[in-house]
Amino acid sequence: MASRLLRGARALVVQALRTSGPARVAVRSMATGGGIPSDEEQDTGLEREIMMASRNDLDPYNILAPKAAPGTKEEPNLVPSIDDKRIVGCICEEDNSAVIWFWLHKGETQRCTNYRTHYKLVPHQFSH
């Protein structure tokens, strides 16, 4: 008797599903137009902050390479530092594999001992 009731109930469920039509699947997407979201839509936290700053040509965490200057005494390469001195490495020639290291102190411009490139220490403040 119980098996008849179960078969009957199953038949009613199958019939109800067939009459309601095909199953509808809910699609969720983070993308505005559907599909795969872009980097801007899914970045969060520090990564989002860096991406938004880079749109405005800012470098809040000093992660980009510094802009090179001619390196003359009048227009030295600016080296940011939060201290009064910083160690700097200079590759004097393109094909040279040795790096010339020297201390750069706050104040006047200094030059590399082997090459004639000038550097100047500038204060750097953190954005946060």
Protein backbone atom coordinates (compact mmCIF):
# COMPACT_ATOMS: atom_id res chain seq x y z
CA MET A 1 0.00 0.00 0.00
CA ALA A 2 2.78 2.43 0.88
CA SER A 3 4.59 1.71 -2.37
CA ARG A 4 1.42 2.56 -4.33
CA LEU A 5 1.16 5.89 -2.53
CA LEU A 6 4.82 6.70 -3.23
CA ARG A 7 4.49 5.78 -6.91
CA GLY A 8 1.36 7.88 -7.17
CA ALA A 9 3.02 10.86 -5.50
CA ARG A 10 6.05 10.51 -7.76
CA ALA A 11 3.84 10.48 -10.82
CA LEU A 12 2.12 13.67 -9.66
CA VAL A 13 5.46 15.42 -9.11
CA VAL A 14 6.74 14.39 -12.56
CA GLN A 15 3.51 15.57 -14.19
CA ALA A 16 3.71 18.94 -12.37
CA LEU A 17 7.30 19.46 -13.48
CA ARG A 18 6.44 18.68 -17.11
CA THR A 19 3.56 21.15 -17.18
CA SER A 20 5.62 24.00 -15.66
CA GLY A 21 7.99 23.98 -18.63
CA PRO A 22 11.77 23.90 -18.80
CA ALA A 23 13.72 24.63 -15.66
CA ARG A 24 14.94 28.18 -15.33
CA VAL A 25 18.49 28.62 -14.13
CA ALA A 26 19.34 31.75 -12.20
CA VAL A 27 22.47 33.34 -13.66
CA ARG A 28 24.54 35.56 -11.39
CA SER A 29 27.37 37.61 -12.74
CA MET A 30 29.56 40.33 -11.29
CA ALA A 31 29.99 41.86 -14.74
CA THR A 32 27.76 44.79 -15.63
CA GLY A 33 26.78 43.39 -19.00
CA GLY A 34 26.99 39.74 -18.01
CA GLY A 35 29.91 37.50 -18.83
CA ILE A 36 33.37 37.72 -17.33
CA PRO A 37 33.99 40.70 -15.03
CA SER A 38 36.85 43.06 -15.83
CA ASP A 39 39.72 43.85 -13.46
CA GLU A 40 38.07 47.12 -12.43
CA GLU A 41 34.87 45.30 -11.45
CA GLN A 42 36.49 42.66 -9.27
CA ASP A 43 39.51 44.40 -7.71
CA THR A 44 39.20 45.18 -4.02
CA GLY A 45 41.32 46.59 -1.23
CA LEU A 46 44.90 47.62 -1.89
CA GLU A 47 44.86 46.37 -5.48
CA ARG A 48 41.83 48.56 -6.26
CA GLU A 49 43.45 51.57 -4.60
CA ILE A 50 46.61 51.15 -6.68
CA MET A 51 44.60 50.72 -9.90
CA MET A 52 42.53 53.84 -9.23
CA ALA A 53 45.68 55.86 -8.47
CA SER A 54 47.42 54.65 -11.62
CA ARG A 55 44.51 55.98 -13.70
CA ASN A 56 45.38 59.45 -12.36
CA ASP A 57 49.12 58.93 -13.01
CA LEU A 58 49.87 58.64 -9.29
CA ASP A 59 52.15 56.16 -7.55
CA PRO A 60 50.97 56.09 -3.91
CA TYR A 61 53.15 53.17 -2.79
CA ASN A 62 56.26 53.94 -4.88
CA ILE A 63 56.01 50.70 -6.87
CA LEU A 64 56.74 52.09 -10.31
CA ALA A 65 60.22 52.74 -11.65
CA PRO A 66 61.31 56.36 -11.15
CA LYS A 67 61.29 58.63 -14.16
CA ALA A 68 64.81 58.96 -15.51
CA ALA A 69 66.36 62.37 -15.88
CA PRO A 70 69.39 63.27 -18.02
CA GLY A 71 71.59 62.81 -14.96
CA THR A 72 73.47 66.07 -15.36
CA LYS A 73 74.42 68.29 -12.44
CA GLU A 74 71.64 70.70 -13.38
CA GLU A 75 69.03 67.92 -13.83
CA PRO A 76 70.01 65.00 -11.58
CA ASN A 77 68.14 61.72 -11.19
CA LEU A 78 65.81 62.20 -8.21
CA VAL A 79 65.93 59.40 -5.64
CA PRO A 80 63.06 59.39 -3.09
CA SER A 81 63.88 58.45 0.48
CA ILE A 82 62.21 58.60 3.89
CA ASP A 83 65.61 58.86 5.56
CA ASP A 84 68.61 61.23 5.30
CA LYS A 85 70.60 58.71 3.23
CA ARG A 86 69.98 55.85 0.83
CA ILE A 87 72.11 53.30 -0.97
CA VAL A 88 71.97 53.62 -4.77
CA GLY A 89 73.10 51.18 -7.45
CA CYS A 90 74.36 52.49 -10.78
CA ILE A 91 74.90 50.39 -13.89
CA CYS A 92 77.31 52.69 -15.64
CA GLU A 93 77.04 51.24 -19.16
CA GLU A 94 74.32 49.22 -20.87
CA ASP A 95 76.39 46.10 -21.40
CA ASN A 96 78.08 46.27 -18.01
CA SER A 97 77.18 43.47 -15.58
CA ALA A 98 78.67 45.11 -12.48
CA VAL A 99 76.64 47.44 -10.30
CA ILE A 100 78.41 50.35 -8.61
CA TRP A 101 76.87 50.88 -5.15
CA PHE A 102 77.28 54.10 -3.19
CA TRP A 103 75.58 56.02 -0.40
CA LEU A 104 73.53 59.03 -1.41
CA HIS A 105 73.19 61.66 1.33
CA LYS A 106 70.66 64.44 1.73
CA GLY A 107 71.80 67.81 0.42
CA GLU A 108 73.68 68.56 -2.77
CA THR A 109 73.76 66.38 -5.85
CA GLN A 110 76.27 63.53 -5.92
CA ARG A 111 77.69 61.63 -8.85
CA CYS A 112 78.53 57.99 -9.45
CA THR A 113 82.24 57.35 -8.86
CA ASN A 114 82.80 55.56 -12.19
CA TYR A 115 80.30 57.30 -14.41
CA ARG A 116 79.29 60.93 -14.61
CA THR A 117 75.61 60.46 -13.71
CA HIS A 118 74.34 62.76 -10.95
CA TYR A 119 71.79 61.85 -8.29
CA LYS A 120 69.91 63.86 -5.68
CA LEU A 121 68.05 62.63 -2.61
CA VAL A 122 64.51 64.02 -2.25
CA PRO A 123 62.17 63.47 0.71
CA HIS A 124 59.36 60.99 0.20
CA GLN A 125 56.18 60.93 2.29
CA PHE A 126 53.92 57.91 2.50
CA SER A 127 50.38 58.41 1.32
CA HIS A 128 48.86 56.78 4.39
